[in-house]
């Protein structure tokens, strides 16, 4: 008797409207920046009207600035 190896099927993920997710309700238009920073290893969550990014408490403009910096770093390795 031989063992057959099964090829792993690609992960199928249903399309979800990003604006219908609970995270969009929290972060709104900042969601793309939030997801980028999380992929880059930052801990990020909302605290009232401010955002905890790593160990810093930032407003929306600060969050955008950190995300813009990370985008620049990704473009120039």
PDB file of N, CA and C in Angstrom:
ATOM      1  N   UNK A   1       0.845  -1.171   0.000  1.00  0.00           N
ATOM      2  CA  UNK A   1       0.000   0.000   0.000  1.00  0.00           C
ATOM      3  C   UNK A   1       0.895   1.240   0.000  1.00  0.00           C
ATOM      4  N   UNK A   2       0.581   2.192  -0.839  1.00  0.00           N
ATOM      5  CA  UNK A   2       1.381   3.415  -0.903  1.00  0.00           C
ATOM      6  C   UNK A   2       0.539   4.596  -0.426  1.00  0.00           C
ATOM      7  N   UNK A   3       1.244   5.540   0.099  1.00  0.00           N
ATOM      8  CA  UNK A   3       0.568   6.756   0.551  1.00  0.00           C
ATOM      9  C   UNK A   3       0.598   7.783  -0.562  1.00  0.00           C
ATOM     10  N   UNK A   4      -0.511   8.338  -0.842  1.00  0.00           N
ATOM     11  CA  UNK A   4      -0.575   9.400  -1.840  1.00  0.00           C
ATOM     12  C   UNK A   4      -0.520  10.739  -1.116  1.00  0.00           C
ATOM     13  N   UNK A   5       0.300  11.600  -1.651  1.00  0.00           N
ATOM     14  CA  UNK A   5       0.342  12.928  -1.059  1.00  0.00           C
ATOM     15  C   UNK A   5      -0.679  13.805  -1.767  1.00  0.00           C
ATOM     16  N   UNK A   6      -1.434  14.468  -0.984  1.00  0.00           N
ATOM     17  CA  UNK A   6      -2.447  15.342  -1.533  1.00  0.00           C
ATOM     18  C   UNK A   6      -1.902  16.765  -1.611  1.00  0.00           C
ATOM     19  N   UNK A   7      -2.075  17.346  -2.751  1.00  0.00           N
ATOM     20  CA  UNK A   7      -1.651  18.735  -2.893  1.00  0.00           C
ATOM     21  C   UNK A   7      -2.593  19.603  -2.078  1.00  0.00           C
ATOM     22  N   UNK A   8      -2.016  20.538  -1.386  1.00  0.00           N
ATOM     23  CA  UNK A   8      -2.839  21.430  -0.576  1.00  0.00           C
ATOM     24  C   UNK A   8      -3.636  22.351  -1.493  1.00  0.00           C
ATOM     25  N   UNK A   9      -4.898  22.384  -1.248  1.00  0.00           N
ATOM     26  CA  UNK A   9      -5.758  23.262  -2.041  1.00  0.00           C
ATOM     27  C   UNK A   9      -5.516  24.699  -1.606  1.00  0.00           C
ATOM     28  N   UNK A  10      -5.552  25.622  -2.545  1.00  0.00           N
ATOM     29  CA  UNK A  10      -5.358  27.021  -2.156  1.00  0.00           C
ATOM     30  C   UNK A  10      -6.479  27.474  -1.230  1.00  0.00           C
ATOM     31  N   UNK A  11      -6.118  28.338  -0.313  1.00  0.00           N
ATOM     32  CA  UNK A  11      -7.117  28.838   0.626  1.00  0.00           C
ATOM     33  C   UNK A  11      -8.142  29.684  -0.121  1.00  0.00           C
ATOM     34  N   UNK A  12      -9.363  29.388   0.105  1.00  0.00           N
ATOM     35  CA  UNK A  12     -10.443  30.140  -0.529  1.00  0.00           C
ATOM     36  C   UNK A  12     -11.039  31.058   0.523  1.00  0.00           C
ATOM     37  N   UNK A  13     -10.969  32.331   0.250  1.00  0.00           N
ATOM     38  CA  UNK A  13     -11.526  33.298   1.184  1.00  0.00           C
ATOM     39  C   UNK A  13     -12.635  34.053   0.485  1.00  0.00           C
ATOM     40  N   UNK A  14     -13.780  34.084   1.099  1.00  0.00           N
ATOM     41  CA  UNK A  14     -14.881  34.816   0.472  1.00  0.00           C
ATOM     42  C   UNK A  14     -14.584  36.309   0.463  1.00  0.00           C
ATOM     43  N   UNK A  15     -15.072  36.989  -0.565  1.00  0.00           N
ATOM     44  CA  UNK A  15     -14.890  38.422  -0.635  1.00  0.00           C
ATOM     45  C   UNK A  15     -15.800  39.074   0.386  1.00  0.00           C
ATOM     46  N   UNK A  16     -15.250  39.973   1.159  1.00  0.00           N
ATOM     47  CA  UNK A  16     -16.024  40.686   2.166  1.00  0.00           C
ATOM     48  C   UNK A  16     -15.885  42.168   1.888  1.00  0.00           C
ATOM     49  N   UNK A  17     -16.990  42.852   1.866  1.00  0.00           N
ATOM     50  CA  UNK A  17     -16.960  44.293   1.693  1.00  0.00           C
ATOM     51  C   UNK A  17     -16.245  44.904   2.898  1.00  0.00           C
ATOM     52  N   UNK A  18     -15.097  45.569   2.683  1.00  0.00           N
ATOM     53  CA  UNK A  18     -14.335  46.095   3.820  1.00  0.00           C
ATOM     54  C   UNK A  18     -15.141  47.061   4.684  1.00  0.00           C
ATOM     55  N   UNK A  19     -16.090  47.757   4.088  1.00  0.00           N
ATOM     56  CA  UNK A  19     -16.852  48.724   4.862  1.00  0.00           C
ATOM     57  C   UNK A  19     -17.914  48.066   5.743  1.00  0.00           C
ATOM     58  N   UNK A  20     -18.113  46.772   5.603  1.00  0.00           N
ATOM     59  CA  UNK A  20     -19.097  46.087   6.436  1.00  0.00           C
ATOM     60  C   UNK A  20     -18.439  45.377   7.613  1.00  0.00           C
ATOM     61  N   UNK A  21     -17.132  45.451   7.734  1.00  0.00           N
ATOM     62  CA  UNK A  21     -16.451  44.758   8.827  1.00  0.00           C
ATOM     63  C   UNK A  21     -16.516  45.595  10.106  1.00  0.00           C
ATOM     64  N   UNK A  22     -16.464  44.950  11.248  1.00  0.00           N
ATOM     65  CA  UNK A  22     -16.456  45.698  12.512  1.00  0.00           C
ATOM     66  C   UNK A  22     -15.251  46.636  12.621  1.00  0.00           C
ATOM     67  N   UNK A  23     -14.118  46.243  12.035  1.00  0.00           N
ATOM     68  CA  UNK A  23     -12.946  47.112  12.110  1.00  0.00           C
ATOM     69  C   UNK A  23     -13.157  48.408  11.339  1.00  0.00           C
ATOM     70  N   UNK A  24     -13.912  48.354  10.255  1.00  0.00           N
ATOM     71  CA  UNK A  24     -14.190  49.590   9.531  1.00  0.00           C
ATOM     72  C   UNK A  24     -15.027  50.525  10.398  1.00  0.00           C
ATOM     73  N   UNK A  25     -15.913  49.963  11.195  1.00  0.00           N
ATOM     74  CA  UNK A  25     -16.707  50.789  12.097  1.00  0.00           C
ATOM     75  C   UNK A  25     -15.815  51.499  13.120  1.00  0.00           C
ATOM     76  N   UNK A  26     -14.715  50.846  13.513  1.00  0.00           N
ATOM     77  CA  UNK A  26     -13.793  51.449  14.472  1.00  0.00           C
ATOM     78  C   UNK A  26     -12.829  52.453  13.834  1.00  0.00           C
ATOM     79  N   UNK A  27     -12.274  52.086  12.690  1.00  0.00           N
ATOM     80  CA  UNK A  27     -11.173  52.864  12.124  1.00  0.00           C
ATOM     81  C   UNK A  27     -11.557  53.692  10.910  1.00  0.00           C
ATOM     82  N   UNK A  28     -12.669  53.391  10.272  1.00  0.00           N
ATOM     83  CA  UNK A  28     -13.128  54.173   9.125  1.00  0.00           C
ATOM     84  C   UNK A  28     -12.102  54.231   8.007  1.00  0.00           C
ATOM     85  N   UNK A  29     -11.839  55.417   7.525  1.00  0.00           N
ATOM     86  CA  UNK A  29     -10.920  55.615   6.401  1.00  0.00           C
ATOM     87  C   UNK A  29      -9.474  55.280   6.757  1.00  0.00           C
ATOM     88  N   UNK A  30      -9.175  55.112   8.023  1.00  0.00           N
ATOM     89  CA  UNK A  30      -7.819  54.766   8.454  1.00  0.00           C
ATOM     90  C   UNK A  30      -7.546  53.263   8.396  1.00  0.00           C
ATOM     91  N   UNK A  31      -8.537  52.482   7.995  1.00  0.00           N
ATOM     92  CA  UNK A  31      -8.400  51.028   8.029  1.00  0.00           C
ATOM     93  C   UNK A  31      -7.215  50.528   7.209  1.00  0.00           C
ATOM     94  N   UNK A  32      -6.965  51.101   6.039  1.00  0.00           N
ATOM     95  CA  UNK A  32      -5.822  50.660   5.223  1.00  0.00           C
ATOM     96  C   UNK A  32      -4.513  50.899   5.962  1.00  0.00           C
ATOM     97  N   UNK A  33      -4.393  52.035   6.632  1.00  0.00           N
ATOM     98  CA  UNK A  33      -3.185  52.327   7.404  1.00  0.00           C
ATOM     99  C   UNK A  33      -3.060  51.387   8.599  1.00  0.00           C
ATOM    100  N   UNK A  34      -4.171  51.109   9.247  1.00  0.00           N
ATOM    101  CA  UNK A  34      -4.179  50.208  10.397  1.00  0.00           C
ATOM    102  C   UNK A  34      -3.714  48.817   9.978  1.00  0.00           C
ATOM    103  N   UNK A  35      -4.254  48.307   8.876  1.00  0.00           N
ATOM    104  CA  UNK A  35      -3.879  46.964   8.420  1.00  0.00           C
ATOM    105  C   UNK A  35      -2.415  46.903   8.006  1.00  0.00           C
ATOM    106  N   UNK A  36      -1.919  47.957   7.356  1.00  0.00           N
ATOM    107  CA  UNK A  36      -0.498  48.000   6.988  1.00  0.00           C
ATOM    108  C   UNK A  36       0.380  47.934   8.231  1.00  0.00           C
ATOM    109  N   UNK A  37       0.068  48.751   9.223  1.00  0.00           N
ATOM    110  CA  UNK A  37       0.888  48.772  10.427  1.00  0.00           C
ATOM    111  C   UNK A  37       0.826  47.447  11.174  1.00  0.00           C
ATOM    112  N   UNK A  38      -0.325  46.818  11.201  1.00  0.00           N
ATOM    113  CA  UNK A  38      -0.410  45.506  11.850  1.00  0.00           C
ATOM    114  C   UNK A  38       0.415  44.463  11.108  1.00  0.00           C
ATOM    115  N   UNK A  39       0.392  44.507   9.766  1.00  0.00           N
ATOM    116  CA  UNK A  39       1.229  43.571   8.987  1.00  0.00           C
ATOM    117  C   UNK A  39       2.707  43.811   9.246  1.00  0.00           C
ATOM    118  N   UNK A  40       3.063  45.059   9.560  1.00  0.00           N
ATOM    119  CA  UNK A  40       4.454  45.404   9.835  1.00  0.00           C
ATOM    120  C   UNK A  40       4.853  45.104  11.277  1.00  0.00           C
ATOM    121  N   UNK A  41       3.920  44.564  12.074  1.00  0.00           N
ATOM    122  CA  UNK A  41       4.254  44.126  13.420  1.00  0.00           C
ATOM    123  C   UNK A  41       3.887  45.088  14.528  1.00  0.00           C
ATOM    124  N   UNK A  42       3.206  46.159  14.216  1.00  0.00           N
ATOM    125  CA  UNK A  42       2.791  47.108  15.237  1.00  0.00           C
ATOM    126  C   UNK A  42       1.546  46.594  15.941  1.00  0.00           C
ATOM    127  N   UNK A  43       1.518  46.753  17.243  1.00  0.00           N
ATOM    128  CA  UNK A  43       0.276  46.556  17.973  1.00  0.00           C
ATOM    129  C   UNK A  43      -0.517  47.846  17.827  1.00  0.00           C
ATOM    130  N   UNK A  44      -1.775  47.742  17.465  1.00  0.00           N
ATOM    131  CA  UNK A  44      -2.540  48.952  17.206  1.00  0.00           C
ATOM    132  C   UNK A  44      -3.979  48.741  17.641  1.00  0.00           C
ATOM    133  N   UNK A  45      -4.482  49.658  18.441  1.00  0.00           N
ATOM    134  CA  UNK A  45      -5.899  49.640  18.794  1.00  0.00           C
ATOM    135  C   UNK A  45      -6.357  51.049  19.124  1.00  0.00           C
ATOM    136  N   UNK A  46      -7.651  51.191  19.160  1.00  0.00           N
ATOM    137  CA  UNK A  46      -8.242  52.505  19.379  1.00  0.00           C
ATOM    138  C   UNK A  46      -8.537  52.706  20.861  1.00  0.00           C
ATOM    139  N   UNK A  47      -8.253  53.906  21.331  1.00  0.00           N
ATOM    140  CA  UNK A  47      -8.578  54.288  22.705  1.00  0.00           C
ATOM    141  C   UNK A  47      -9.349  55.598  22.647  1.00  0.00           C
ATOM    142  N   UNK A  48     -10.651  55.503  22.611  1.00  0.00           N
ATOM    143  CA  UNK A  48     -11.484  56.702  22.485  1.00  0.00           C
ATOM    144  C   UNK A  48     -11.288  57.332  21.114  1.00  0.00           C
ATOM    145  N   UNK A  49     -10.844  58.574  21.095  1.00  0.00           N
ATOM    146  CA  UNK A  49     -10.607  59.259  19.817  1.00  0.00           C
ATOM    147  C   UNK A  49      -9.161  59.129  19.369  1.00  0.00           C
ATOM    148  N   UNK A  50      -8.310  58.497  20.183  1.00  0.00           N
ATOM    149  CA  UNK A  50      -6.891  58.343  19.854  1.00  0.00           C
ATOM    150  C   UNK A  50      -6.583  56.892  19.511  1.00  0.00           C
ATOM    151  N   UNK A  51      -5.377  56.665  19.015  1.00  0.00           N
ATOM    152  CA  UNK A  51      -4.955  55.335  18.580  1.00  0.00           C
ATOM    153  C   UNK A  51      -3.643  54.981  19.259  1.00  0.00           C
ATOM    154  N   UNK A  52      -3.579  53.787  19.837  1.00  0.00           N
ATOM    155  CA  UNK A  52      -2.347  53.297  20.446  1.00  0.00           C
ATOM    156  C   UNK A  52      -1.595  52.555  19.354  1.00  0.00           C
ATOM    157  N   UNK A  53      -0.448  53.108  18.959  1.00  0.00           N
ATOM    158  CA  UNK A  53       0.404  52.517  17.928  1.00  0.00           C
ATOM    159  C   UNK A  53       1.714  52.146  18.615  1.00  0.00           C
ATOM    160  N   UNK A  54       1.905  50.839  18.817  1.00  0.00           N
ATOM    161  CA  UNK A  54       3.056  50.419  19.607  1.00  0.00           C
ATOM    162  C   UNK A  54       2.854  50.921  21.028  1.00  0.00           C
ATOM    163  N   UNK A  55       3.784  51.734  21.515  1.00  0.00           N
ATOM    164  CA  UNK A  55       3.642  52.286  22.866  1.00  0.00           C
ATOM    165  C   UNK A  55       3.323  53.779  22.837  1.00  0.00           C
ATOM    166  N   UNK A  56       2.928  54.278  21.658  1.00  0.00           N
ATOM    167  CA  UNK A  56       2.608  55.706  21.526  1.00  0.00           C
ATOM    168  C   UNK A  56       1.112  55.910  21.346  1.00  0.00           C
ATOM    169  N   UNK A  57       0.601  56.962  21.929  1.00  0.00           N
ATOM    170  CA  UNK A  57      -0.793  57.327  21.772  1.00  0.00           C
ATOM    171  C   UNK A  57      -0.855  58.481  20.777  1.00  0.00           C
ATOM    172  N   UNK A  58      -1.488  58.240  19.607  1.00  0.00           N
ATOM    173  CA  UNK A  58      -1.482  59.199  18.512  1.00  0.00           C
ATOM    174  C   UNK A  58      -2.890  59.552  18.076  1.00  0.00           C
ATOM    175  N   UNK A  59      -3.019  60.728  17.466  1.00  0.00           N
ATOM    176  CA  UNK A  59      -4.277  61.068  16.821  1.00  0.00           C
ATOM    177  C   UNK A  59      -4.256  60.507  15.400  1.00  0.00           C
ATOM    178  N   UNK A  60      -5.305  60.775  14.616  1.00  0.00           N
ATOM    179  CA  UNK A  60      -5.405  60.220  13.261  1.00  0.00           C
ATOM    180  C   UNK A  60      -4.250  60.681  12.376  1.00  0.00           C
ATOM    181  N   UNK A  61      -3.856  61.940  12.499  1.00  0.00           N
ATOM    182  CA  UNK A  61      -2.743  62.439  11.680  1.00  0.00           C
ATOM    183  C   UNK A  61      -1.430  61.744  12.039  1.00  0.00           C
ATOM    184  N   UNK A  62      -1.228  61.477  13.312  1.00  0.00           N
ATOM    185  CA  UNK A  62      -0.028  60.758  13.731  1.00  0.00           C
ATOM    186  C   UNK A  62      -0.005  59.338  13.203  1.00  0.00           C
ATOM    187  N   UNK A  63      -1.167  58.682  13.227  1.00  0.00           N
ATOM    188  CA  UNK A  63      -1.262  57.324  12.691  1.00  0.00           C
ATOM    189  C   UNK A  63      -0.935  57.325  11.201  1.00  0.00           C
ATOM    190  N   UNK A  64      -1.472  58.302  10.469  1.00  0.00           N
ATOM    191  CA  UNK A  64      -1.173  58.402   9.035  1.00  0.00           C
ATOM    192  C   UNK A  64       0.314  58.631   8.793  1.00  0.00           C
ATOM    193  N   UNK A  65       0.948  59.439   9.650  1.00  0.00           N
ATOM    194  CA  UNK A  65       2.378  59.720   9.494  1.00  0.00           C
ATOM    195  C   UNK A  65       3.221  58.460   9.709  1.00  0.00           C
ATOM    196  N   UNK A  66       2.867  57.662  10.710  1.00  0.00           N
ATOM    197  CA  UNK A  66       3.602  56.411  10.957  1.00  0.00           C
ATOM    198  C   UNK A  66       3.406  55.457   9.783  1.00  0.00           C
ATOM    199  N   UNK A  67       2.183  55.364   9.273  1.00  0.00           N
ATOM    200  CA  UNK A  67       1.909  54.485   8.137  1.00  0.00           C
ATOM    201  C   UNK A  67       2.660  54.961   6.888  1.00  0.00           C
ATOM    202  N   UNK A  68       2.721  56.276   6.671  1.00  0.00           N
ATOM    203  CA  UNK A  68       3.456  56.807   5.516  1.00  0.00           C
ATOM    204  C   UNK A  68       4.940  56.473   5.627  1.00  0.00           C
ATOM    205  N   UNK A  69       5.484  56.568   6.833  1.00  0.00           N
ATOM    206  CA  UNK A  69       6.902  56.212   7.043  1.00  0.00           C
ATOM    207  C   UNK A  69       7.135  54.741   6.723  1.00  0.00           C
ATOM    208  N   UNK A  70       6.245  53.874   7.184  1.00  0.00           N
ATOM    209  CA  UNK A  70       6.399  52.448   6.909  1.00  0.00           C
ATOM    210  C   UNK A  70       6.278  52.151   5.418  1.00  0.00           C
ATOM    211  N   UNK A  71       5.419  52.866   4.718  1.00  0.00           N
ATOM    212  CA  UNK A  71       5.318  52.685   3.269  1.00  0.00           C
ATOM    213  C   UNK A  71       6.618  53.079   2.587  1.00  0.00           C
ATOM    214  N   UNK A  72       7.229  54.178   3.019  1.00  0.00           N
ATOM    215  CA  UNK A  72       8.518  54.599   2.446  1.00  0.00           C
ATOM    216  C   UNK A  72       9.594  53.544   2.707  1.00  0.00           C
ATOM    217  N   UNK A  73       9.598  52.982   3.900  1.00  0.00           N
ATOM    218  CA  UNK A  73      10.571  51.942   4.225  1.00  0.00           C
ATOM    219  C   UNK A  73      10.377  50.725   3.329  1.00  0.00           C
ATOM    220  N   UNK A  74       9.133  50.359   3.061  1.00  0.00           N
ATOM    221  CA  UNK A  74       8.854  49.211   2.185  1.00  0.00           C
ATOM    222  C   UNK A  74       9.322  49.457   0.756  1.00  0.00           C
ATOM    223  N   UNK A  75       9.254  50.702   0.290  1.00  0.00           N
ATOM    224  CA  UNK A  75       9.652  51.025  -1.064  1.00  0.00           C
ATOM    225  C   UNK A  75      11.167  51.024  -1.245  1.00  0.00           C
ATOM    226  N   UNK A  76      11.897  51.337  -0.166  1.00  0.00           N
ATOM    227  CA  UNK A  76      13.363  51.416  -0.252  1.00  0.00           C
ATOM    228  C   UNK A  76      13.981  50.476   0.761  1.00  0.00           C
ATOM    229  N   UNK A  77      14.170  49.230   0.372  1.00  0.00           N
ATOM    230  CA  UNK A  77      14.694  48.252   1.341  1.00  0.00           C
ATOM    231  C   UNK A  77      16.104  48.525   1.786  1.00  0.00           C
TER     232      UNK A  77
END
